[in-house]
Amino acid sequence: MVTAGREGYRTGMNDFMDKAKNLADQHDDKVDQAIDKAGDQVDKRTGEKYSGQIDKGVDYAQQHTGEGDTDR
């Protein structure tokens, strides 16, 4: 059984996620830059041992944020 408190939580989370998606859509280029920068930091901290996997993850994340992938 779902209580009113849980339903309110779900509604709040849905609102939050909608706002986050809208922000990502509006600033796709900035989001992609941040993802790229994070990937570079992970690559650096792992001694570039997992560069291929990190690059794949960065590419995947960039393709699934905002309205579309921006060129690097």
PDB file of N, CA and C in Angstrom:
ATOM      1  N   MET A   1       0.839  -1.180   0.000  1.00  0.00           N
ATOM      2  CA  MET A   1       0.000   0.000   0.000  1.00  0.00           C
ATOM      3  C   MET A   1       0.888   1.249   0.000  1.00  0.00           C
ATOM      4  N   VAL A   2       0.596   2.174  -0.871  1.00  0.00           N
ATOM      5  CA  VAL A   2       1.354   3.419  -0.979  1.00  0.00           C
ATOM      6  C   VAL A   2       0.731   4.453  -0.058  1.00  0.00           C
ATOM      7  N   THR A   3       1.575   5.058   0.756  1.00  0.00           N
ATOM      8  CA  THR A   3       1.072   6.093   1.658  1.00  0.00           C
ATOM      9  C   THR A   3       1.182   7.456   0.999  1.00  0.00           C
ATOM     10  N   ALA A   4       0.474   8.428   1.565  1.00  0.00           N
ATOM     11  CA  ALA A   4       0.498   9.786   1.011  1.00  0.00           C
ATOM     12  C   ALA A   4       1.922  10.353   1.032  1.00  0.00           C
ATOM     13  N   GLY A   5       2.703  10.020   2.052  1.00  0.00           N
ATOM     14  CA  GLY A   5       4.070  10.512   2.150  1.00  0.00           C
ATOM     15  C   GLY A   5       4.936  10.011   1.016  1.00  0.00           C
ATOM     16  N   ARG A   6       4.786   8.763   0.701  1.00  0.00           N
ATOM     17  CA  ARG A   6       5.571   8.193  -0.402  1.00  0.00           C
ATOM     18  C   ARG A   6       5.155   8.783  -1.735  1.00  0.00           C
ATOM     19  N   GLU A   7       3.879   8.996  -1.906  1.00  0.00           N
ATOM     20  CA  GLU A   7       3.383   9.567  -3.159  1.00  0.00           C
ATOM     21  C   GLU A   7       3.918  10.986  -3.339  1.00  0.00           C
ATOM     22  N   GLY A   8       3.956  11.739  -2.274  1.00  0.00           N
ATOM     23  CA  GLY A   8       4.505  13.094  -2.323  1.00  0.00           C
ATOM     24  C   GLY A   8       5.983  13.068  -2.674  1.00  0.00           C
ATOM     25  N   TYR A   9       6.685  12.088  -2.115  1.00  0.00           N
ATOM     26  CA  TYR A   9       8.117  11.929  -2.417  1.00  0.00           C
ATOM     27  C   TYR A   9       8.319  11.641  -3.894  1.00  0.00           C
ATOM     28  N   ARG A  10       7.513  10.733  -4.428  1.00  0.00           N
ATOM     29  CA  ARG A  10       7.632  10.386  -5.849  1.00  0.00           C
ATOM     30  C   ARG A  10       7.335  11.587  -6.731  1.00  0.00           C
ATOM     31  N   THR A  11       6.302  12.330  -6.388  1.00  0.00           N
ATOM     32  CA  THR A  11       5.960  13.519  -7.164  1.00  0.00           C
ATOM     33  C   THR A  11       7.102  14.526  -7.109  1.00  0.00           C
ATOM     34  N   GLY A  12       7.668  14.721  -5.935  1.00  0.00           N
ATOM     35  CA  GLY A  12       8.793  15.641  -5.779  1.00  0.00           C
ATOM     36  C   GLY A  12       9.991  15.201  -6.591  1.00  0.00           C
ATOM     37  N   MET A  13      10.289  13.920  -6.578  1.00  0.00           N
ATOM     38  CA  MET A  13      11.416  13.397  -7.359  1.00  0.00           C
ATOM     39  C   MET A  13      11.158  13.543  -8.855  1.00  0.00           C
ATOM     40  N   ASN A  14       9.932  13.288  -9.281  1.00  0.00           N
ATOM     41  CA  ASN A  14       9.603  13.449 -10.700  1.00  0.00           C
ATOM     42  C   ASN A  14       9.774  14.905 -11.126  1.00  0.00           C
ATOM     43  N   ASP A  15       9.325  15.831 -10.286  1.00  0.00           N
ATOM     44  CA  ASP A  15       9.498  17.257 -10.583  1.00  0.00           C
ATOM     45  C   ASP A  15      10.978  17.608 -10.677  1.00  0.00           C
ATOM     46  N   PHE A  16      11.762  17.111  -9.724  1.00  0.00           N
ATOM     47  CA  PHE A  16      13.202  17.368  -9.715  1.00  0.00           C
ATOM     48  C   PHE A  16      13.855  16.823 -10.983  1.00  0.00           C
ATOM     49  N   MET A  17      13.521  15.605 -11.358  1.00  0.00           N
ATOM     50  CA  MET A  17      14.118  14.997 -12.551  1.00  0.00           C
ATOM     51  C   MET A  17      13.716  15.760 -13.813  1.00  0.00           C
ATOM     52  N   ASP A  18      12.459  16.206 -13.884  1.00  0.00           N
ATOM     53  CA  ASP A  18      12.027  16.991 -15.040  1.00  0.00           C
ATOM     54  C   ASP A  18      12.814  18.289 -15.143  1.00  0.00           C
ATOM     55  N   LYS A  19      13.029  18.951 -14.022  1.00  0.00           N
ATOM     56  CA  LYS A  19      13.797  20.195 -14.020  1.00  0.00           C
ATOM     57  C   LYS A  19      15.250  19.926 -14.420  1.00  0.00           C
ATOM     58  N   ALA A  20      15.822  18.836 -13.926  1.00  0.00           N
ATOM     59  CA  ALA A  20      17.204  18.492 -14.272  1.00  0.00           C
ATOM     60  C   ALA A  20      17.324  18.196 -15.769  1.00  0.00           C
ATOM     61  N   LYS A  21      16.368  17.478 -16.325  1.00  0.00           N
ATOM     62  CA  LYS A  21      16.396  17.175 -17.763  1.00  0.00           C
ATOM     63  C   LYS A  21      16.268  18.446 -18.590  1.00  0.00           C
ATOM     64  N   ASN A  22      15.392  19.351 -18.169  1.00  0.00           N
ATOM     65  CA  ASN A  22      15.235  20.613 -18.890  1.00  0.00           C
ATOM     66  C   ASN A  22      16.523  21.422 -18.850  1.00  0.00           C
ATOM     67  N   LEU A  23      17.165  21.468 -17.690  1.00  0.00           N
ATOM     68  CA  LEU A  23      18.439  22.180 -17.568  1.00  0.00           C
ATOM     69  C   LEU A  23      19.491  21.572 -18.481  1.00  0.00           C
ATOM     70  N   ALA A  24      19.568  20.246 -18.496  1.00  0.00           N
ATOM     71  CA  ALA A  24      20.540  19.566 -19.358  1.00  0.00           C
ATOM     72  C   ALA A  24      20.257  19.857 -20.827  1.00  0.00           C
ATOM     73  N   ASP A  25      18.975  19.916 -21.203  1.00  0.00           N
ATOM     74  CA  ASP A  25      18.616  20.247 -22.587  1.00  0.00           C
ATOM     75  C   ASP A  25      19.062  21.658 -22.949  1.00  0.00           C
ATOM     76  N   GLN A  26      18.876  22.583 -22.029  1.00  0.00           N
ATOM     77  CA  GLN A  26      19.198  23.979 -22.290  1.00  0.00           C
ATOM     78  C   GLN A  26      20.704  24.229 -22.348  1.00  0.00           C
ATOM     79  N   HIS A  27      21.473  23.396 -21.654  1.00  0.00           N
ATOM     80  CA  HIS A  27      22.915  23.617 -21.546  1.00  0.00           C
ATOM     81  C   HIS A  27      23.701  22.385 -21.964  1.00  0.00           C
ATOM     82  N   ASP A  28      23.289  21.780 -23.058  1.00  0.00           N
ATOM     83  CA  ASP A  28      23.899  20.526 -23.520  1.00  0.00           C
ATOM     84  C   ASP A  28      25.405  20.660 -23.714  1.00  0.00           C
ATOM     85  N   ASP A  29      25.850  21.776 -24.257  1.00  0.00           N
ATOM     86  CA  ASP A  29      27.279  21.943 -24.503  1.00  0.00           C
ATOM     87  C   ASP A  29      28.064  21.972 -23.191  1.00  0.00           C
ATOM     88  N   LYS A  30      27.526  22.624 -22.171  1.00  0.00           N
ATOM     89  CA  LYS A  30      28.197  22.696 -20.870  1.00  0.00           C
ATOM     90  C   LYS A  30      28.207  21.328 -20.184  1.00  0.00           C
ATOM     91  N   VAL A  31      27.105  20.603 -20.305  1.00  0.00           N
ATOM     92  CA  VAL A  31      27.026  19.260 -19.714  1.00  0.00           C
ATOM     93  C   VAL A  31      28.051  18.350 -20.370  1.00  0.00           C
ATOM     94  N   ASP A  32      28.140  18.408 -21.695  1.00  0.00           N
ATOM     95  CA  ASP A  32      29.108  17.572 -22.411  1.00  0.00           C
ATOM     96  C   ASP A  32      30.544  17.925 -22.017  1.00  0.00           C
ATOM     97  N   GLN A  33      30.822  19.217 -21.844  1.00  0.00           N
ATOM     98  CA  GLN A  33      32.158  19.629 -21.417  1.00  0.00           C
ATOM     99  C   GLN A  33      32.477  19.084 -20.026  1.00  0.00           C
ATOM    100  N   ALA A  34      31.502  19.137 -19.128  1.00  0.00           N
ATOM    101  CA  ALA A  34      31.722  18.638 -17.767  1.00  0.00           C
ATOM    102  C   ALA A  34      31.958  17.128 -17.765  1.00  0.00           C
ATOM    103  N   ILE A  35      31.207  16.412 -18.571  1.00  0.00           N
ATOM    104  CA  ILE A  35      31.397  14.959 -18.671  1.00  0.00           C
ATOM    105  C   ILE A  35      32.782  14.651 -19.218  1.00  0.00           C
ATOM    106  N   ASP A  36      33.201  15.387 -20.230  1.00  0.00           N
ATOM    107  CA  ASP A  36      34.525  15.201 -20.826  1.00  0.00           C
ATOM    108  C   ASP A  36      35.624  15.471 -19.798  1.00  0.00           C
ATOM    109  N   LYS A  37      35.462  16.537 -19.038  1.00  0.00           N
ATOM    110  CA  LYS A  37      36.440  16.895 -18.011  1.00  0.00           C
ATOM    111  C   LYS A  37      36.510  15.815 -16.919  1.00  0.00           C
ATOM    112  N   ALA A  38      35.354  15.317 -16.515  1.00  0.00           N
ATOM    113  CA  ALA A  38      35.326  14.248 -15.514  1.00  0.00           C
ATOM    114  C   ALA A  38      36.018  12.995 -16.039  1.00  0.00           C
ATOM    115  N   GLY A  39      35.780  12.658 -17.297  1.00  0.00           N
ATOM    116  CA  GLY A  39      36.441  11.511 -17.903  1.00  0.00           C
ATOM    117  C   GLY A  39      37.954  11.681 -17.932  1.00  0.00           C
ATOM    118  N   ASP A  40      38.403  12.891 -18.239  1.00  0.00           N
ATOM    119  CA  ASP A  40      39.850  13.165 -18.244  1.00  0.00           C
ATOM    120  C   ASP A  40      40.447  12.978 -16.852  1.00  0.00           C
ATOM    121  N   GLN A  41      39.728  13.423 -15.820  1.00  0.00           N
ATOM    122  CA  GLN A  41      40.228  13.285 -14.453  1.00  0.00           C
ATOM    123  C   GLN A  41      40.308  11.809 -14.038  1.00  0.00           C
ATOM    124  N   VAL A  42      39.274  11.052 -14.375  1.00  0.00           N
ATOM    125  CA  VAL A  42      39.286   9.616 -14.045  1.00  0.00           C
ATOM    126  C   VAL A  42      40.431   8.940 -14.781  1.00  0.00           C
ATOM    127  N   ASP A  43      40.605   9.276 -16.042  1.00  0.00           N
ATOM    128  CA  ASP A  43      41.685   8.707 -16.847  1.00  0.00           C
ATOM    129  C   ASP A  43      43.044   9.020 -16.219  1.00  0.00           C
ATOM    130  N   LYS A  44      43.217  10.260 -15.790  1.00  0.00           N
ATOM    131  CA  LYS A  44      44.471  10.684 -15.170  1.00  0.00           C
ATOM    132  C   LYS A  44      44.716   9.932 -13.861  1.00  0.00           C
ATOM    133  N   ARG A  45      43.674   9.806 -13.053  1.00  0.00           N
ATOM    134  CA  ARG A  45      43.825   9.169 -11.735  1.00  0.00           C
ATOM    135  C   ARG A  45      44.028   7.660 -11.812  1.00  0.00           C
ATOM    136  N   THR A  46      43.625   7.065 -12.930  1.00  0.00           N
ATOM    137  CA  THR A  46      43.840   5.627 -13.099  1.00  0.00           C
ATOM    138  C   THR A  46      45.083   5.346 -13.930  1.00  0.00           C
ATOM    139  N   GLY A  47      45.891   6.395 -14.159  1.00  0.00           N
ATOM    140  CA  GLY A  47      47.107   6.210 -14.933  1.00  0.00           C
ATOM    141  C   GLY A  47      46.840   5.817 -16.372  1.00  0.00           C
ATOM    142  N   GLU A  48      45.715   6.256 -16.904  1.00  0.00           N
ATOM    143  CA  GLU A  48      45.296   5.965 -18.274  1.00  0.00           C
ATOM    144  C   GLU A  48      45.195   4.469 -18.557  1.00  0.00           C
ATOM    145  N   LYS A  49      45.036   3.697 -17.497  1.00  0.00           N
ATOM    146  CA  LYS A  49      44.953   2.246 -17.619  1.00  0.00           C
ATOM    147  C   LYS A  49      43.644   1.796 -18.282  1.00  0.00           C
ATOM    148  N   TYR A  50      42.584   2.606 -18.117  1.00  0.00           N
ATOM    149  CA  TYR A  50      41.261   2.232 -18.636  1.00  0.00           C
ATOM    150  C   TYR A  50      40.751   3.248 -19.652  1.00  0.00           C
ATOM    151  N   SER A  51      41.643   3.852 -20.406  1.00  0.00           N
ATOM    152  CA  SER A  51      41.281   4.925 -21.340  1.00  0.00           C
ATOM    153  C   SER A  51      40.162   4.527 -22.298  1.00  0.00           C
ATOM    154  N   GLY A  52      40.249   3.345 -22.849  1.00  0.00           N
ATOM    155  CA  GLY A  52      39.229   2.901 -23.808  1.00  0.00           C
ATOM    156  C   GLY A  52      37.849   2.822 -23.185  1.00  0.00           C
ATOM    157  N   GLN A  53      37.769   2.239 -22.006  1.00  0.00           N
ATOM    158  CA  GLN A  53      36.487   2.114 -21.329  1.00  0.00           C
ATOM    159  C   GLN A  53      35.966   3.477 -20.896  1.00  0.00           C
ATOM    160  N   ILE A  54      36.855   4.335 -20.427  1.00  0.00           N
ATOM    161  CA  ILE A  54      36.450   5.674 -19.987  1.00  0.00           C
ATOM    162  C   ILE A  54      35.921   6.462 -21.179  1.00  0.00           C
ATOM    163  N   ASP A  55      36.611   6.405 -22.307  1.00  0.00           N
ATOM    164  CA  ASP A  55      36.165   7.109 -23.506  1.00  0.00           C
ATOM    165  C   ASP A  55      34.785   6.627 -23.948  1.00  0.00           C
ATOM    166  N   LYS A  56      34.559   5.321 -23.898  1.00  0.00           N
ATOM    167  CA  LYS A  56      33.251   4.770 -24.263  1.00  0.00           C
ATOM    168  C   LYS A  56      32.173   5.292 -23.321  1.00  0.00           C
ATOM    169  N   GLY A  57      32.487   5.326 -22.033  1.00  0.00           N
ATOM    170  CA  GLY A  57      31.526   5.824 -21.050  1.00  0.00           C
ATOM    171  C   GLY A  57      31.221   7.298 -21.247  1.00  0.00           C
ATOM    172  N   VAL A  58      32.246   8.079 -21.530  1.00  0.00           N
ATOM    173  CA  VAL A  58      32.061   9.512 -21.781  1.00  0.00           C
ATOM    174  C   VAL A  58      31.183   9.702 -23.019  1.00  0.00           C
ATOM    175  N   ASP A  59      31.491   9.008 -24.086  1.00  0.00           N
ATOM    176  CA  ASP A  59      30.700   9.123 -25.313  1.00  0.00           C
ATOM    177  C   ASP A  59      29.245   8.741 -25.073  1.00  0.00           C
ATOM    178  N   TYR A  60      29.028   7.645 -24.354  1.00  0.00           N
ATOM    179  CA  TYR A  60      27.674   7.189 -24.060  1.00  0.00           C
ATOM    180  C   TYR A  60      26.918   8.233 -23.245  1.00  0.00           C
ATOM    181  N   ALA A  61      27.557   8.761 -22.220  1.00  0.00           N
ATOM    182  CA  ALA A  61      26.911   9.760 -21.368  1.00  0.00           C
ATOM    183  C   ALA A  61      26.571  11.015 -22.164  1.00  0.00           C
ATOM    184  N   GLN A  62      27.486  11.453 -23.024  1.00  0.00           N
ATOM    185  CA  GLN A  62      27.235  12.654 -23.816  1.00  0.00           C
ATOM    186  C   GLN A  62      26.087  12.458 -24.798  1.00  0.00           C
ATOM    187  N   GLN A  63      25.935  11.261 -25.312  1.00  0.00           N
ATOM    188  CA  GLN A  63      24.848  10.985 -26.248  1.00  0.00           C
ATOM    189  C   GLN A  63      23.498  10.910 -25.555  1.00  0.00           C
ATOM    190  N   HIS A  64      23.498  10.723 -24.244  1.00  0.00           N
ATOM    191  CA  HIS A  64      22.239  10.551 -23.510  1.00  0.00           C
ATOM    192  C   HIS A  64      21.920  11.717 -22.580  1.00  0.00           C
ATOM    193  N   THR A  65      22.572  12.837 -22.777  1.00  0.00           N
ATOM    194  CA  THR A  65      22.246  14.026 -21.999  1.00  0.00           C
ATOM    195  C   THR A  65      21.887  15.146 -22.954  1.00  0.00           C
ATOM    196  N   GLY A  66      21.011  16.008 -22.545  1.00  0.00           N
ATOM    197  CA  GLY A  66      20.630  17.133 -23.375  1.00  0.00           C
ATOM    198  C   GLY A  66      19.870  16.700 -24.614  1.00  0.00           C
ATOM    199  N   GLU A  67      19.743  17.615 -25.550  1.00  0.00           N
ATOM    200  CA  GLU A  67      18.985  17.323 -26.774  1.00  0.00           C
ATOM    201  C   GLU A  67      19.822  16.588 -27.805  1.00  0.00           C
ATOM    202  N   GLY A  68      21.117  16.527 -27.591  1.00  0.00           N
ATOM    203  CA  GLY A  68      21.965  15.805 -28.532  1.00  0.00           C
ATOM    204  C   GLY A  68      23.409  15.980 -28.186  1.00  0.00           C
ATOM    205  N   ASP A  69      24.219  15.161 -28.757  1.00  0.00           N
ATOM    206  CA  ASP A  69      25.646  15.202 -28.490  1.00  0.00           C
ATOM    207  C   ASP A  69      26.258  16.405 -29.222  1.00  0.00           C
ATOM    208  N   THR A  70      27.161  17.093 -28.541  1.00  0.00           N
ATOM    209  CA  THR A  70      27.886  18.178 -29.191  1.00  0.00           C
ATOM    210  C   THR A  70      29.244  17.662 -29.614  1.00  0.00           C
ATOM    211  N   ASP A  71      29.802  18.292 -30.618  1.00  0.00           N
ATOM    212  CA  ASP A  71      31.133  17.887 -31.077  1.00  0.00           C
ATOM    213  C   ASP A  71      32.174  18.306 -30.071  1.00  0.00           C
ATOM    214  N   ARG A  72      33.195  17.469 -29.926  1.00  0.00           N
ATOM    215  CA  ARG A  72      34.302  17.801 -29.016  1.00  0.00           C
ATOM    216  C   ARG A  72      35.376  18.497 -29.780  1.00  0.00           C
TER     217      ARG A  72
END
